[in-house]
Amino acid sequence: MFTLTKLVAATLFLGLTSAGGAFAGGLLDGRVFEGVIGPVEAPDLADRLKFEDGYFWSDICTRCGFLPGEYHSEMTDMGIAFRGVLQSDSRGRFEYEGIVGVHGAIEASIHWERRRWYWTSTREIAFQGIENEELASQTLSQIRQQLDGVDPDTNPLCARF
């Protein structure tokens, strides 16, 4: 039998475990970062990383068929740490892990993995940039509508991913 005491205990337990150092989405919502993405050794493609409604996406990645992904974030001594995954049915997955410093600088390491039935390809990528407060982020629904008409095979940049 489920009593009021058990309900209160369960609610307190869930509240404490989700607040106790766990990552949560939303700390970067509404922020846009301009920078470069590419190989860890020398990122070279201009890109924008956007955060909205607990999701994030990159302009280049969405043009190449990667869907916006949920992100999780937490405040640390170094700034806001975040992580998340962008997934594409045909081009694999990007696992992001990064930090946004107190002055708006962002650095993210990205592990890219693309699996096929006969091989798996992996690559380490990086995004480096700075917040641009003048740029408004598209809404999540706008970017999802825009993705309906995207064909990554017609974009030469997508051959890199």
N, C-alpha and C. Protein backbone atom coordinates (compact mmCIF):
# COMPACT_ATOMS: atom_id res chain seq x y z
N MET A 1 0.83 -1.19 0.00
CA MET A 1 0.00 0.00 0.00
C MET A 1 0.88 1.24 0.00
N PHE A 2 0.52 2.19 -0.85
CA PHE A 2 1.30 3.41 -1.01
C PHE A 2 0.77 4.47 -0.07
N THR A 3 1.54 4.86 0.93
CA THR A 3 1.08 5.82 1.92
C THR A 3 1.60 7.21 1.60
N LEU A 4 1.04 8.19 2.27
CA LEU A 4 1.48 9.57 2.11
C LEU A 4 2.95 9.71 2.51
N THR A 5 3.37 9.01 3.54
CA THR A 5 4.77 9.06 3.98
C THR A 5 5.70 8.55 2.88
N LYS A 6 5.34 7.44 2.23
CA LYS A 6 6.17 6.91 1.14
C LYS A 6 6.20 7.86 -0.04
N LEU A 7 5.07 8.52 -0.33
CA LEU A 7 5.02 9.47 -1.43
C LEU A 7 5.93 10.66 -1.16
N VAL A 8 5.89 11.20 0.06
CA VAL A 8 6.75 12.33 0.43
C VAL A 8 8.21 11.90 0.38
N ALA A 9 8.54 10.73 0.89
CA ALA A 9 9.92 10.24 0.88
C ALA A 9 10.42 10.08 -0.56
N ALA A 10 9.59 9.51 -1.43
CA ALA A 10 9.99 9.33 -2.83
C ALA A 10 10.20 10.67 -3.52
N THR A 11 9.34 11.64 -3.26
CA THR A 11 9.47 12.97 -3.85
C THR A 11 10.75 13.64 -3.39
N LEU A 12 11.05 13.57 -2.08
CA LEU A 12 12.28 14.15 -1.56
C LEU A 12 13.51 13.47 -2.14
N PHE A 13 13.48 12.15 -2.25
CA PHE A 13 14.59 11.40 -2.81
C PHE A 13 14.86 11.83 -4.25
N LEU A 14 13.82 11.89 -5.07
CA LEU A 14 13.99 12.30 -6.47
C LEU A 14 14.51 13.73 -6.57
N GLY A 15 14.00 14.62 -5.73
CA GLY A 15 14.45 16.01 -5.75
C GLY A 15 15.91 16.14 -5.36
N LEU A 16 16.32 15.41 -4.34
CA LEU A 16 17.71 15.47 -3.90
C LEU A 16 18.66 14.83 -4.89
N THR A 17 18.28 13.70 -5.49
CA THR A 17 19.19 13.05 -6.41
C THR A 17 19.32 13.83 -7.70
N SER A 18 18.28 14.52 -8.14
CA SER A 18 18.40 15.28 -9.38
C SER A 18 19.13 16.60 -9.15
N ALA A 19 19.14 17.13 -7.93
CA ALA A 19 19.82 18.39 -7.66
C ALA A 19 21.26 18.17 -7.22
N GLY A 20 21.61 17.00 -6.78
CA GLY A 20 22.92 16.76 -6.20
C GLY A 20 24.02 16.52 -7.21
N GLY A 21 24.40 17.53 -7.97
CA GLY A 21 25.53 17.41 -8.87
C GLY A 21 25.18 16.81 -10.22
N ALA A 22 23.98 16.42 -10.45
CA ALA A 22 23.62 15.85 -11.74
C ALA A 22 23.49 16.96 -12.77
N PHE A 23 23.71 16.61 -14.03
CA PHE A 23 23.57 17.56 -15.10
C PHE A 23 22.09 17.83 -15.35
N ALA A 24 21.76 19.06 -15.69
CA ALA A 24 20.39 19.43 -16.05
C ALA A 24 20.44 20.30 -17.30
N GLY A 25 19.43 20.25 -18.12
CA GLY A 25 19.37 21.09 -19.32
C GLY A 25 18.97 22.50 -18.96
N GLY A 26 19.13 23.41 -19.89
CA GLY A 26 18.58 24.74 -19.73
C GLY A 26 19.50 25.86 -19.35
N LEU A 27 20.65 25.61 -18.77
CA LEU A 27 21.52 26.70 -18.32
C LEU A 27 22.06 27.55 -19.47
N LEU A 28 22.07 27.00 -20.67
CA LEU A 28 22.59 27.74 -21.82
C LEU A 28 21.49 28.18 -22.78
N ASP A 29 20.24 27.91 -22.44
CA ASP A 29 19.13 28.25 -23.33
C ASP A 29 19.15 29.71 -23.76
N GLY A 30 18.91 29.94 -25.06
CA GLY A 30 18.87 31.28 -25.61
C GLY A 30 20.23 31.84 -26.01
N ARG A 31 21.29 31.08 -25.81
CA ARG A 31 22.64 31.57 -26.12
C ARG A 31 23.11 31.01 -27.45
N VAL A 32 23.88 31.86 -28.17
CA VAL A 32 24.42 31.50 -29.49
C VAL A 32 25.92 31.78 -29.45
N PHE A 33 26.71 30.82 -29.96
CA PHE A 33 28.16 30.94 -29.96
C PHE A 33 28.66 30.85 -31.40
N GLU A 34 29.49 31.81 -31.80
CA GLU A 34 30.11 31.79 -33.12
C GLU A 34 31.53 31.29 -32.97
N GLY A 35 31.95 30.46 -33.91
CA GLY A 35 33.31 29.95 -33.83
C GLY A 35 33.65 29.09 -35.01
N VAL A 36 34.53 28.13 -34.76
CA VAL A 36 34.98 27.22 -35.80
C VAL A 36 34.87 25.79 -35.31
N ILE A 37 34.60 24.90 -36.25
CA ILE A 37 34.50 23.47 -35.97
C ILE A 37 35.40 22.75 -36.96
N GLY A 38 35.94 21.63 -36.54
CA GLY A 38 36.78 20.84 -37.43
C GLY A 38 37.69 19.93 -36.64
N PRO A 39 38.73 19.40 -37.32
CA PRO A 39 39.66 18.49 -36.64
C PRO A 39 40.25 19.15 -35.39
N VAL A 40 40.47 18.37 -34.35
CA VAL A 40 40.99 18.88 -33.09
C VAL A 40 42.24 19.72 -33.31
N GLU A 41 43.09 19.29 -34.21
CA GLU A 41 44.37 19.97 -34.43
C GLU A 41 44.18 21.38 -35.00
N ALA A 42 43.13 21.59 -35.81
CA ALA A 42 42.94 22.88 -36.46
C ALA A 42 41.50 23.04 -36.96
N PRO A 43 40.57 23.36 -36.08
CA PRO A 43 39.20 23.60 -36.54
C PRO A 43 39.21 24.73 -37.57
N ASP A 44 38.47 24.55 -38.68
CA ASP A 44 38.61 25.49 -39.78
C ASP A 44 37.31 25.91 -40.47
N LEU A 45 36.17 25.41 -40.03
CA LEU A 45 34.90 25.77 -40.66
C LEU A 45 34.10 26.69 -39.74
N ALA A 46 33.71 27.87 -40.26
CA ALA A 46 32.89 28.78 -39.47
C ALA A 46 31.56 28.10 -39.14
N ASP A 47 31.14 28.22 -37.88
CA ASP A 47 29.92 27.56 -37.44
C ASP A 47 29.31 28.34 -36.29
N ARG A 48 28.07 28.02 -35.99
CA ARG A 48 27.37 28.59 -34.83
C ARG A 48 26.77 27.44 -34.04
N LEU A 49 26.92 27.51 -32.74
CA LEU A 49 26.35 26.52 -31.83
C LEU A 49 25.24 27.24 -31.05
N LYS A 50 24.02 26.65 -31.06
CA LYS A 50 22.85 27.31 -30.49
C LYS A 50 22.20 26.41 -29.45
N PHE A 51 21.64 27.03 -28.42
CA PHE A 51 20.99 26.33 -27.32
C PHE A 51 19.59 26.92 -27.11
N GLU A 52 18.59 26.06 -27.05
CA GLU A 52 17.21 26.53 -26.86
C GLU A 52 16.33 25.40 -26.33
N ASP A 53 15.52 25.70 -25.33
CA ASP A 53 14.53 24.76 -24.79
C ASP A 53 15.12 23.41 -24.38
N GLY A 54 16.35 23.41 -23.85
CA GLY A 54 16.98 22.16 -23.42
C GLY A 54 17.62 21.37 -24.56
N TYR A 55 17.67 21.96 -25.77
CA TYR A 55 18.27 21.33 -26.95
C TYR A 55 19.40 22.20 -27.46
N PHE A 56 20.29 21.60 -28.24
CA PHE A 56 21.36 22.37 -28.89
C PHE A 56 21.55 21.84 -30.30
N TRP A 57 22.15 22.66 -31.15
CA TRP A 57 22.46 22.26 -32.52
C TRP A 57 23.52 23.19 -33.09
N SER A 58 24.14 22.73 -34.15
CA SER A 58 25.16 23.48 -34.87
C SER A 58 24.61 23.74 -36.27
N ASP A 59 24.88 24.93 -36.80
CA ASP A 59 24.41 25.25 -38.16
C ASP A 59 24.93 24.23 -39.17
N ILE A 60 26.23 23.94 -39.13
CA ILE A 60 26.79 22.99 -40.09
C ILE A 60 26.20 21.60 -39.88
N CYS A 61 26.09 21.18 -38.64
CA CYS A 61 25.57 19.83 -38.38
C CYS A 61 24.13 19.66 -38.85
N THR A 62 23.29 20.67 -38.64
CA THR A 62 21.90 20.54 -39.10
C THR A 62 21.83 20.51 -40.62
N ARG A 63 22.67 21.28 -41.30
CA ARG A 63 22.70 21.24 -42.77
C ARG A 63 23.15 19.88 -43.27
N CYS A 64 23.84 19.13 -42.41
CA CYS A 64 24.32 17.80 -42.80
C CYS A 64 23.43 16.69 -42.23
N GLY A 65 22.24 17.05 -41.77
CA GLY A 65 21.27 16.05 -41.35
C GLY A 65 21.29 15.64 -39.89
N PHE A 66 22.07 16.30 -39.07
CA PHE A 66 22.11 15.98 -37.64
C PHE A 66 20.98 16.73 -36.94
N LEU A 67 20.16 16.01 -36.20
CA LEU A 67 19.01 16.59 -35.52
C LEU A 67 19.44 17.30 -34.24
N PRO A 68 18.73 18.36 -33.83
CA PRO A 68 19.02 18.96 -32.52
C PRO A 68 18.93 17.89 -31.44
N GLY A 69 19.81 17.97 -30.48
CA GLY A 69 19.83 16.98 -29.40
C GLY A 69 19.66 17.64 -28.05
N GLU A 70 19.16 16.88 -27.10
CA GLU A 70 19.06 17.38 -25.73
C GLU A 70 20.47 17.61 -25.20
N TYR A 71 20.60 18.64 -24.39
CA TYR A 71 21.88 18.84 -23.72
C TYR A 71 21.65 18.89 -22.22
N HIS A 72 22.70 18.60 -21.50
CA HIS A 72 22.67 18.63 -20.04
C HIS A 72 23.80 19.55 -19.59
N SER A 73 23.57 20.31 -18.55
CA SER A 73 24.57 21.29 -18.13
C SER A 73 24.59 21.40 -16.60
N GLU A 74 25.71 21.90 -16.12
CA GLU A 74 25.82 22.17 -14.68
C GLU A 74 26.86 23.27 -14.47
N MET A 75 26.66 24.02 -13.42
CA MET A 75 27.58 25.07 -13.04
C MET A 75 28.80 24.44 -12.38
N THR A 76 29.99 24.86 -12.79
CA THR A 76 31.23 24.39 -12.18
C THR A 76 32.08 25.61 -11.84
N ASP A 77 33.24 25.37 -11.22
CA ASP A 77 34.16 26.47 -10.92
C ASP A 77 34.70 27.13 -12.19
N MET A 78 34.74 26.39 -13.29
CA MET A 78 35.28 26.91 -14.55
C MET A 78 34.22 27.57 -15.43
N GLY A 79 32.96 27.40 -15.11
CA GLY A 79 31.87 27.94 -15.93
C GLY A 79 30.76 26.91 -16.03
N ILE A 80 30.06 26.92 -17.15
CA ILE A 80 28.97 25.97 -17.35
C ILE A 80 29.48 24.80 -18.19
N ALA A 81 29.48 23.62 -17.59
CA ALA A 81 29.87 22.41 -18.31
C ALA A 81 28.61 21.86 -18.98
N PHE A 82 28.77 21.36 -20.20
CA PHE A 82 27.62 20.79 -20.90
C PHE A 82 28.04 19.55 -21.67
N ARG A 83 27.04 18.75 -21.99
CA ARG A 83 27.26 17.58 -22.83
C ARG A 83 25.95 17.26 -23.54
N GLY A 84 26.07 16.63 -24.69
CA GLY A 84 24.89 16.26 -25.46
C GLY A 84 25.29 15.52 -26.72
N VAL A 85 24.30 15.00 -27.42
CA VAL A 85 24.54 14.20 -28.62
C VAL A 85 23.69 14.72 -29.77
N LEU A 86 24.32 14.87 -30.93
CA LEU A 86 23.61 15.17 -32.18
C LEU A 86 23.66 13.89 -33.02
N GLN A 87 22.52 13.47 -33.50
CA GLN A 87 22.39 12.19 -34.20
C GLN A 87 21.90 12.39 -35.63
N SER A 88 22.46 11.61 -36.56
CA SER A 88 22.00 11.58 -37.94
C SER A 88 21.85 10.12 -38.35
N ASP A 89 20.75 9.80 -39.03
CA ASP A 89 20.55 8.42 -39.48
C ASP A 89 21.64 7.97 -40.44
N SER A 90 22.11 8.88 -41.30
CA SER A 90 23.08 8.48 -42.32
C SER A 90 24.53 8.86 -42.02
N ARG A 91 24.75 9.80 -41.11
CA ARG A 91 26.11 10.31 -40.90
C ARG A 91 26.68 10.03 -39.52
N GLY A 92 25.93 9.35 -38.67
CA GLY A 92 26.48 8.95 -37.38
C GLY A 92 26.03 9.83 -36.24
N ARG A 93 26.94 9.97 -35.27
CA ARG A 93 26.59 10.72 -34.06
C ARG A 93 27.78 11.53 -33.59
N PHE A 94 27.48 12.73 -33.11
CA PHE A 94 28.46 13.62 -32.50
C PHE A 94 28.18 13.68 -31.01
N GLU A 95 29.14 13.30 -30.19
CA GLU A 95 29.01 13.40 -28.73
C GLU A 95 29.81 14.63 -28.29
N TYR A 96 29.09 15.65 -27.85
CA TYR A 96 29.70 16.91 -27.42
C TYR A 96 29.94 16.90 -25.92
N GLU A 97 31.06 17.48 -25.52
CA GLU A 97 31.34 17.74 -24.11
C GLU A 97 32.16 19.02 -24.07
N GLY A 98 31.67 20.02 -23.33
CA GLY A 98 32.36 21.29 -23.36
C GLY A 98 32.15 22.14 -22.14
N ILE A 99 32.74 23.34 -22.21
CA ILE A 99 32.64 24.29 -21.11
C ILE A 99 32.47 25.69 -21.69
N VAL A 100 31.58 26.45 -21.07
CA VAL A 100 31.40 27.86 -21.41
C VAL A 100 31.95 28.65 -20.24
N GLY A 101 33.00 29.42 -20.51
CA GLY A 101 33.64 30.21 -19.46
C GLY A 101 32.81 31.42 -19.05
N VAL A 102 33.22 32.07 -17.98
CA VAL A 102 32.48 33.20 -17.44
C VAL A 102 32.41 34.38 -18.40
N HIS A 103 33.33 34.49 -19.34
CA HIS A 103 33.34 35.60 -20.30
C HIS A 103 32.76 35.21 -21.65
N GLY A 104 32.09 34.04 -21.72
CA GLY A 104 31.40 33.65 -22.95
C GLY A 104 32.21 32.84 -23.94
N ALA A 105 33.46 32.52 -23.61
CA ALA A 105 34.25 31.66 -24.49
C ALA A 105 33.76 30.22 -24.33
N ILE A 106 33.72 29.48 -25.43
CA ILE A 106 33.26 28.10 -25.40
C ILE A 106 34.30 27.21 -26.06
N GLU A 107 34.51 26.07 -25.46
CA GLU A 107 35.36 25.03 -26.04
C GLU A 107 34.65 23.71 -25.87
N ALA A 108 34.54 22.96 -26.96
CA ALA A 108 33.87 21.66 -26.90
C ALA A 108 34.70 20.63 -27.64
N SER A 109 34.83 19.48 -27.03
CA SER A 109 35.42 18.34 -27.73
C SER A 109 34.26 17.49 -28.23
N ILE A 110 34.42 16.97 -29.42
CA ILE A 110 33.34 16.22 -30.07
C ILE A 110 33.90 14.90 -30.56
N HIS A 111 33.28 13.83 -30.13
CA HIS A 111 33.66 12.49 -30.61
C HIS A 111 32.65 12.11 -31.68
N TRP A 112 33.12 11.93 -32.90
CA TRP A 112 32.24 11.55 -34.01
C TRP A 112 32.41 10.07 -34.28
N GLU A 113 31.29 9.38 -34.40
CA GLU A 113 31.31 7.96 -34.72
C GLU A 113 30.25 7.67 -35.78
N ARG A 114 30.68 6.96 -36.80
CA ARG A 114 29.77 6.57 -37.88
C ARG A 114 29.92 5.07 -38.09
N ARG A 115 28.85 4.34 -37.84
CA ARG A 115 28.87 2.88 -37.96
C ARG A 115 28.20 2.42 -39.23
N ARG A 116 28.81 1.47 -39.85
CA ARG A 116 28.25 0.76 -41.00
C ARG A 116 28.34 -0.72 -40.68
N TRP A 117 27.68 -1.52 -41.44
CA TRP A 117 27.72 -2.96 -41.14
C TRP A 117 29.10 -3.55 -41.34
N TYR A 118 29.95 -2.90 -42.14
CA TYR A 118 31.28 -3.45 -42.43
C TYR A 118 32.43 -2.63 -41.86
N TRP A 119 32.17 -1.47 -41.27
CA TRP A 119 33.23 -0.68 -40.64
C TRP A 119 32.64 0.37 -39.71
N THR A 120 33.47 0.85 -38.80
CA THR A 120 33.12 1.96 -37.93
C THR A 120 34.23 2.99 -38.03
N SER A 121 33.84 4.21 -38.28
CA SER A 121 34.80 5.30 -38.40
C SER A 121 34.63 6.23 -37.21
N THR A 122 35.74 6.66 -36.61
CA THR A 122 35.68 7.62 -35.51
C THR A 122 36.66 8.75 -35.78
N ARG A 123 36.34 9.88 -35.22
CA ARG A 123 37.20 11.05 -35.39
C ARG A 123 36.98 11.99 -34.22
N GLU A 124 38.03 12.68 -33.81
CA GLU A 124 37.92 13.68 -32.75
C GLU A 124 37.85 15.06 -33.41
N ILE A 125 36.85 15.82 -33.01
CA ILE A 125 36.57 17.14 -33.60
C ILE A 125 36.50 18.13 -32.45
N ALA A 126 36.63 19.42 -32.76
CA ALA A 126 36.53 20.45 -31.73
C ALA A 126 35.70 21.63 -32.24
N PHE A 127 35.05 22.30 -31.32
CA PHE A 127 34.39 23.58 -31.59
C PHE A 127 34.96 24.58 -30.61
N GLN A 128 35.38 25.75 -31.13
CA GLN A 128 35.89 26.82 -30.29
C GLN A 128 35.20 28.10 -30.72
N GLY A 129 34.78 28.90 -29.76
CA GLY A 129 34.12 30.13 -30.14
C GLY A 129 33.85 31.05 -28.97
N ILE A 130 33.02 32.04 -29.25
CA ILE A 130 32.66 33.05 -28.27
C ILE A 130 31.17 33.37 -28.42
N GLU A 131 30.54 33.71 -27.32
CA GLU A 131 29.12 34.04 -27.37
C GLU A 131 28.90 35.33 -28.15
N ASN A 132 27.86 35.33 -28.98
CA ASN A 132 27.45 36.52 -29.70
C ASN A 132 26.05 36.87 -29.21
N GLU A 133 25.97 37.84 -28.31
CA GLU A 133 24.70 38.19 -27.70
C GLU A 133 23.75 38.89 -28.66
N GLU A 134 24.27 39.36 -29.80
CA GLU A 134 23.43 40.05 -30.78
C GLU A 134 22.65 39.08 -31.66
N LEU A 135 23.09 37.83 -31.71
CA LEU A 135 22.41 36.85 -32.54
C LEU A 135 21.30 36.18 -31.75
N ALA A 136 20.14 36.14 -32.34
CA ALA A 136 19.02 35.44 -31.72
C ALA A 136 19.02 34.00 -32.23
N SER A 137 18.77 33.09 -31.34
CA SER A 137 18.69 31.69 -31.72
C SER A 137 17.35 31.41 -32.38
N GLN A 138 17.37 30.54 -33.40
CA GLN A 138 16.11 30.08 -33.97
C GLN A 138 15.40 29.26 -32.89
N THR A 139 14.09 29.18 -33.02
CA THR A 139 13.38 28.32 -32.08
C THR A 139 13.59 26.87 -32.51
N LEU A 140 13.37 25.99 -31.58
CA LEU A 140 13.52 24.57 -31.85
C LEU A 140 12.57 24.13 -32.96
N SER A 141 11.34 24.63 -32.94
CA SER A 141 10.38 24.24 -33.98
C SER A 141 10.80 24.78 -35.35
N GLN A 142 11.39 25.97 -35.41
CA GLN A 142 11.87 26.52 -36.69
C GLN A 142 12.97 25.65 -37.28
N ILE A 143 13.91 25.24 -36.45
CA ILE A 143 15.01 24.43 -36.97
C ILE A 143 14.51 23.06 -37.39
N ARG A 144 13.55 22.49 -36.68
CA ARG A 144 13.00 21.19 -37.08
C ARG A 144 12.26 21.29 -38.40
N GLN A 145 11.53 22.38 -38.64
CA GLN A 145 10.86 22.58 -39.92
C GLN A 145 11.88 22.73 -41.04
N GLN A 146 12.93 23.46 -40.77
CA GLN A 146 13.99 23.67 -41.76
C GLN A 146 14.66 22.34 -42.13
N LEU A 147 14.80 21.44 -41.18
CA LEU A 147 15.45 20.15 -41.42
C LEU A 147 14.65 19.25 -42.37
N ASP A 148 13.35 19.47 -42.46
CA ASP A 148 12.53 18.65 -43.36
C ASP A 148 13.00 18.73 -44.81
N GLY A 149 13.54 19.88 -45.22
CA GLY A 149 13.97 20.05 -46.60
C GLY A 149 15.46 19.87 -46.82
N VAL A 150 16.18 19.37 -45.85
CA VAL A 150 17.64 19.24 -45.95
C VAL A 150 18.04 17.94 -46.63
N ASP A 151 18.92 18.05 -47.62
CA ASP A 151 19.51 16.87 -48.26
C ASP A 151 21.02 16.98 -48.12
N PRO A 152 21.61 16.31 -47.12
CA PRO A 152 23.05 16.43 -46.87
C PRO A 152 23.92 16.03 -48.06
N ASP A 153 23.41 15.18 -48.93
CA ASP A 153 24.22 14.74 -50.06
C ASP A 153 24.47 15.84 -51.08
N THR A 154 23.70 16.93 -51.03
CA THR A 154 23.91 18.04 -51.97
C THR A 154 24.84 19.11 -51.41
N ASN A 155 25.25 18.97 -50.16
CA ASN A 155 26.12 19.96 -49.52
C ASN A 155 27.54 19.42 -49.47
N PRO A 156 28.49 20.05 -50.19
CA PRO A 156 29.88 19.54 -50.21
C PRO A 156 30.55 19.51 -48.84
N LEU A 157 30.17 20.41 -47.92
CA LEU A 157 30.75 20.39 -46.58
C LEU A 157 30.45 19.09 -45.83
N CYS A 158 29.31 18.50 -46.15
CA CYS A 158 28.87 17.30 -45.44
C CYS A 158 29.73 16.08 -45.77
N ALA A 159 30.49 16.14 -46.83
CA ALA A 159 31.37 15.02 -47.18
C ALA A 159 32.43 14.81 -46.09
N ARG A 160 32.69 15.85 -45.30
CA ARG A 160 33.65 15.75 -44.20
C ARG A 160 33.09 14.98 -43.03
N PHE A 161 31.76 14.82 -42.97
CA PHE A 161 31.13 14.16 -41.83
C PHE A 161 30.45 12.90 -42.28
